[in-house]
């Protein structure tokens, strides 16, 4: 004859706290010149970040300048290589982009590139 003991295990407050901590998004504080981890999307809470690539000669090319409340991403970049470099001390929070967020992020990137190209053109005209 088999005897089974049935126990009901209730979560302790510590278990509940651990579970709630696991649900919180990853938040990082980085310093100037630090590079954000690749293939992730972030909400920039504090500070400023530069998205950049470089040419065959190693010259850095700025693709965007981002500040508080901007969404920045190195997921599936249009240009390789691409990095997100901290210009100041920054605080970022990892986010998952849904299709609407991705579309809005791409529109903002295009707008940023257009603004940078305009600045470059004005600078070239005033130097030449």
C-alpha atoms as a PDB file:
ATOM      1  CA  UNK A   1       0.000   0.000   0.000  1.00  0.00           C
ATOM      2  CA  UNK A   2       1.361   3.450  -1.013  1.00  0.00           C
ATOM      3  CA  UNK A   3       1.078   6.487   1.085  1.00  0.00           C
ATOM      4  CA  UNK A   4       1.256   9.958  -0.497  1.00  0.00           C
ATOM      5  CA  UNK A   5       1.762  13.106   1.423  1.00  0.00           C
ATOM      6  CA  UNK A   6       0.252  16.196  -0.176  1.00  0.00           C
ATOM      7  CA  UNK A   7       1.798  19.468   0.876  1.00  0.00           C
ATOM      8  CA  UNK A   8       0.527  22.874  -0.079  1.00  0.00           C
ATOM      9  CA  UNK A   9       3.404  25.302  -0.379  1.00  0.00           C
ATOM     10  CA  UNK A  10       2.531  28.938  -0.049  1.00  0.00           C
ATOM     11  CA  UNK A  11       4.945  31.605  -1.279  1.00  0.00           C
ATOM     12  CA  UNK A  12       6.745  33.446   1.460  1.00  0.00           C
ATOM     13  CA  UNK A  13       7.050  37.252   1.365  1.00  0.00           C
ATOM     14  CA  UNK A  14      10.650  36.794   0.201  1.00  0.00           C
ATOM     15  CA  UNK A  15       9.473  34.618  -2.736  1.00  0.00           C
ATOM     16  CA  UNK A  16       6.906  37.241  -3.685  1.00  0.00           C
ATOM     17  CA  UNK A  17       9.537  39.986  -3.533  1.00  0.00           C
ATOM     18  CA  UNK A  18      11.932  37.946  -5.698  1.00  0.00           C
ATOM     19  CA  UNK A  19       9.200  37.353  -8.280  1.00  0.00           C
ATOM     20  CA  UNK A  20       8.308  41.041  -8.426  1.00  0.00           C
ATOM     21  CA  UNK A  21      11.987  41.971  -8.769  1.00  0.00           C
ATOM     22  CA  UNK A  22      12.328  39.618 -11.713  1.00  0.00           C
ATOM     23  CA  UNK A  23       9.494  41.412 -13.516  1.00  0.00           C
ATOM     24  CA  UNK A  24      11.231  44.798 -13.321  1.00  0.00           C
ATOM     25  CA  UNK A  25      13.000  45.903 -16.507  1.00  0.00           C
ATOM     26  CA  UNK A  26      16.775  46.027 -16.605  1.00  0.00           C
ATOM     27  CA  UNK A  27      18.007  49.504 -15.639  1.00  0.00           C
ATOM     28  CA  UNK A  28      21.609  50.577 -16.186  1.00  0.00           C
ATOM     29  CA  UNK A  29      23.640  53.612 -15.191  1.00  0.00           C
ATOM     30  CA  UNK A  30      26.549  54.215 -17.554  1.00  0.00           C
ATOM     31  CA  UNK A  31      29.291  56.817 -17.723  1.00  0.00           C
ATOM     32  CA  UNK A  32      30.657  59.012 -20.545  1.00  0.00           C
ATOM     33  CA  UNK A  33      32.336  56.955 -23.300  1.00  0.00           C
ATOM     34  CA  UNK A  34      30.557  53.738 -22.185  1.00  0.00           C
ATOM     35  CA  UNK A  35      28.731  51.825 -24.929  1.00  0.00           C
ATOM     36  CA  UNK A  36      25.270  50.385 -24.387  1.00  0.00           C
ATOM     37  CA  UNK A  37      24.874  46.617 -24.854  1.00  0.00           C
ATOM     38  CA  UNK A  38      24.193  45.583 -28.456  1.00  0.00           C
ATOM     39  CA  UNK A  39      20.966  44.232 -29.956  1.00  0.00           C
ATOM     40  CA  UNK A  40      18.705  45.812 -27.332  1.00  0.00           C
ATOM     41  CA  UNK A  41      16.246  48.698 -27.113  1.00  0.00           C
ATOM     42  CA  UNK A  42      16.294  51.269 -24.343  1.00  0.00           C
ATOM     43  CA  UNK A  43      14.318  54.186 -22.974  1.00  0.00           C
ATOM     44  CA  UNK A  44      16.775  56.931 -22.099  1.00  0.00           C
ATOM     45  CA  UNK A  45      15.766  58.257 -18.681  1.00  0.00           C
ATOM     46  CA  UNK A  46      18.688  60.608 -18.014  1.00  0.00           C
ATOM     47  CA  UNK A  47      21.658  61.887 -19.992  1.00  0.00           C
ATOM     48  CA  UNK A  48      22.666  61.962 -23.654  1.00  0.00           C
ATOM     49  CA  UNK A  49      23.693  59.235 -26.099  1.00  0.00           C
ATOM     50  CA  UNK A  50      25.169  59.346 -29.591  1.00  0.00           C
ATOM     51  CA  UNK A  51      24.396  56.640 -32.151  1.00  0.00           C
ATOM     52  CA  UNK A  52      27.379  56.224 -34.451  1.00  0.00           C
ATOM     53  CA  UNK A  53      29.041  54.130 -37.107  1.00  0.00           C
ATOM     54  CA  UNK A  54      32.464  54.479 -38.732  1.00  0.00           C
ATOM     55  CA  UNK A  55      33.811  54.307 -42.263  1.00  0.00           C
ATOM     56  CA  UNK A  56      36.548  52.081 -43.731  1.00  0.00           C
ATOM     57  CA  UNK A  57      39.228  54.528 -42.549  1.00  0.00           C
ATOM     58  CA  UNK A  58      37.875  54.399 -38.986  1.00  0.00           C
ATOM     59  CA  UNK A  59      36.378  57.894 -39.017  1.00  0.00           C
ATOM     60  CA  UNK A  60      33.360  58.161 -36.718  1.00  0.00           C
ATOM     61  CA  UNK A  61      30.024  59.168 -38.275  1.00  0.00           C
ATOM     62  CA  UNK A  62      27.266  60.439 -35.973  1.00  0.00           C
ATOM     63  CA  UNK A  63      23.846  59.022 -36.835  1.00  0.00           C
ATOM     64  CA  UNK A  64      21.839  60.583 -34.012  1.00  0.00           C
ATOM     65  CA  UNK A  65      21.905  62.442 -30.725  1.00  0.00           C
ATOM     66  CA  UNK A  66      19.415  61.299 -28.110  1.00  0.00           C
ATOM     67  CA  UNK A  67      18.218  62.719 -24.784  1.00  0.00           C
ATOM     68  CA  UNK A  68      15.799  62.028 -21.939  1.00  0.00           C
ATOM     69  CA  UNK A  69      12.623  60.096 -22.877  1.00  0.00           C
ATOM     70  CA  UNK A  70      13.973  59.087 -26.302  1.00  0.00           C
ATOM     71  CA  UNK A  71      13.829  55.444 -27.347  1.00  0.00           C
ATOM     72  CA  UNK A  72      17.167  54.202 -28.658  1.00  0.00           C
ATOM     73  CA  UNK A  73      17.893  50.845 -30.202  1.00  0.00           C
ATOM     74  CA  UNK A  74      20.702  48.817 -31.676  1.00  0.00           C
ATOM     75  CA  UNK A  75      18.337  45.991 -32.642  1.00  0.00           C
ATOM     76  CA  UNK A  76      18.563  45.225 -36.355  1.00  0.00           C
ATOM     77  CA  UNK A  77      20.552  48.356 -37.269  1.00  0.00           C
ATOM     78  CA  UNK A  78      20.447  49.622 -40.859  1.00  0.00           C
ATOM     79  CA  UNK A  79      24.221  50.209 -40.766  1.00  0.00           C
ATOM     80  CA  UNK A  80      26.891  47.852 -39.499  1.00  0.00           C
ATOM     81  CA  UNK A  81      28.806  48.534 -37.344  1.00  0.00           C
ATOM     82  CA  UNK A  82      26.654  50.705 -35.113  1.00  0.00           C
ATOM     83  CA  UNK A  83      27.029  51.601 -31.453  1.00  0.00           C
ATOM     84  CA  UNK A  84      25.266  53.691 -28.845  1.00  0.00           C
ATOM     85  CA  UNK A  85      27.882  55.720 -26.986  1.00  0.00           C
ATOM     86  CA  UNK A  86      27.199  57.663 -23.776  1.00  0.00           C
ATOM     87  CA  UNK A  87      28.109  61.358 -23.993  1.00  0.00           C
ATOM     88  CA  UNK A  88      27.223  61.999 -20.342  1.00  0.00           C
ATOM     89  CA  UNK A  89      26.303  59.804 -17.393  1.00  0.00           C
ATOM     90  CA  UNK A  90      23.090  58.095 -18.499  1.00  0.00           C
ATOM     91  CA  UNK A  91      20.335  56.005 -16.991  1.00  0.00           C
ATOM     92  CA  UNK A  92      18.554  53.659 -19.399  1.00  0.00           C
ATOM     93  CA  UNK A  93      15.802  51.099 -19.010  1.00  0.00           C
ATOM     94  CA  UNK A  94      15.479  48.074 -21.286  1.00  0.00           C
ATOM     95  CA  UNK A  95      12.239  47.952 -23.282  1.00  0.00           C
ATOM     96  CA  UNK A  96      10.703  45.565 -25.781  1.00  0.00           C
ATOM     97  CA  UNK A  97       9.554  47.375 -28.924  1.00  0.00           C
ATOM     98  CA  UNK A  98       6.174  46.385 -30.341  1.00  0.00           C
ATOM     99  CA  UNK A  99       5.538  47.066 -34.068  1.00  0.00           C
ATOM    100  CA  UNK A 100       4.020  50.508 -33.381  1.00  0.00           C
ATOM    101  CA  UNK A 101       6.998  51.475 -31.203  1.00  0.00           C
ATOM    102  CA  UNK A 102       9.394  50.253 -33.918  1.00  0.00           C
ATOM    103  CA  UNK A 103       7.630  52.367 -36.544  1.00  0.00           C
ATOM    104  CA  UNK A 104       7.732  55.464 -34.313  1.00  0.00           C
ATOM    105  CA  UNK A 105      11.420  54.832 -33.528  1.00  0.00           C
ATOM    106  CA  UNK A 106      12.307  54.566 -37.240  1.00  0.00           C
ATOM    107  CA  UNK A 107      10.448  57.824 -37.979  1.00  0.00           C
ATOM    108  CA  UNK A 108      12.377  59.583 -35.205  1.00  0.00           C
ATOM    109  CA  UNK A 109      15.688  58.210 -36.533  1.00  0.00           C
ATOM    110  CA  UNK A 110      14.902  59.533 -40.039  1.00  0.00           C
ATOM    111  CA  UNK A 111      14.011  62.924 -38.575  1.00  0.00           C
ATOM    112  CA  UNK A 112      17.279  62.993 -36.608  1.00  0.00           C
ATOM    113  CA  UNK A 113      19.329  62.122 -39.718  1.00  0.00           C
ATOM    114  CA  UNK A 114      17.605  64.866 -41.716  1.00  0.00           C
ATOM    115  CA  UNK A 115      18.407  67.400 -38.986  1.00  0.00           C
ATOM    116  CA  UNK A 116      22.066  66.315 -38.841  1.00  0.00           C
ATOM    117  CA  UNK A 117      22.402  66.488 -42.636  1.00  0.00           C
ATOM    118  CA  UNK A 118      20.947  70.012 -42.584  1.00  0.00           C
ATOM    119  CA  UNK A 119      23.479  71.070 -39.943  1.00  0.00           C
ATOM    120  CA  UNK A 120      26.302  69.498 -41.971  1.00  0.00           C
ATOM    121  CA  UNK A 121      25.154  71.293 -45.130  1.00  0.00           C
ATOM    122  CA  UNK A 122      24.968  74.671 -43.363  1.00  0.00           C
ATOM    123  CA  UNK A 123      28.413  74.081 -41.861  1.00  0.00           C
ATOM    124  CA  UNK A 124      29.877  73.131 -45.267  1.00  0.00           C
ATOM    125  CA  UNK A 125      28.378  76.231 -46.919  1.00  0.00           C
ATOM    126  CA  UNK A 126      29.714  78.573 -44.236  1.00  0.00           C
ATOM    127  CA  UNK A 127      33.231  77.070 -44.395  1.00  0.00           C
ATOM    128  CA  UNK A 128      33.421  77.014 -48.202  1.00  0.00           C
END
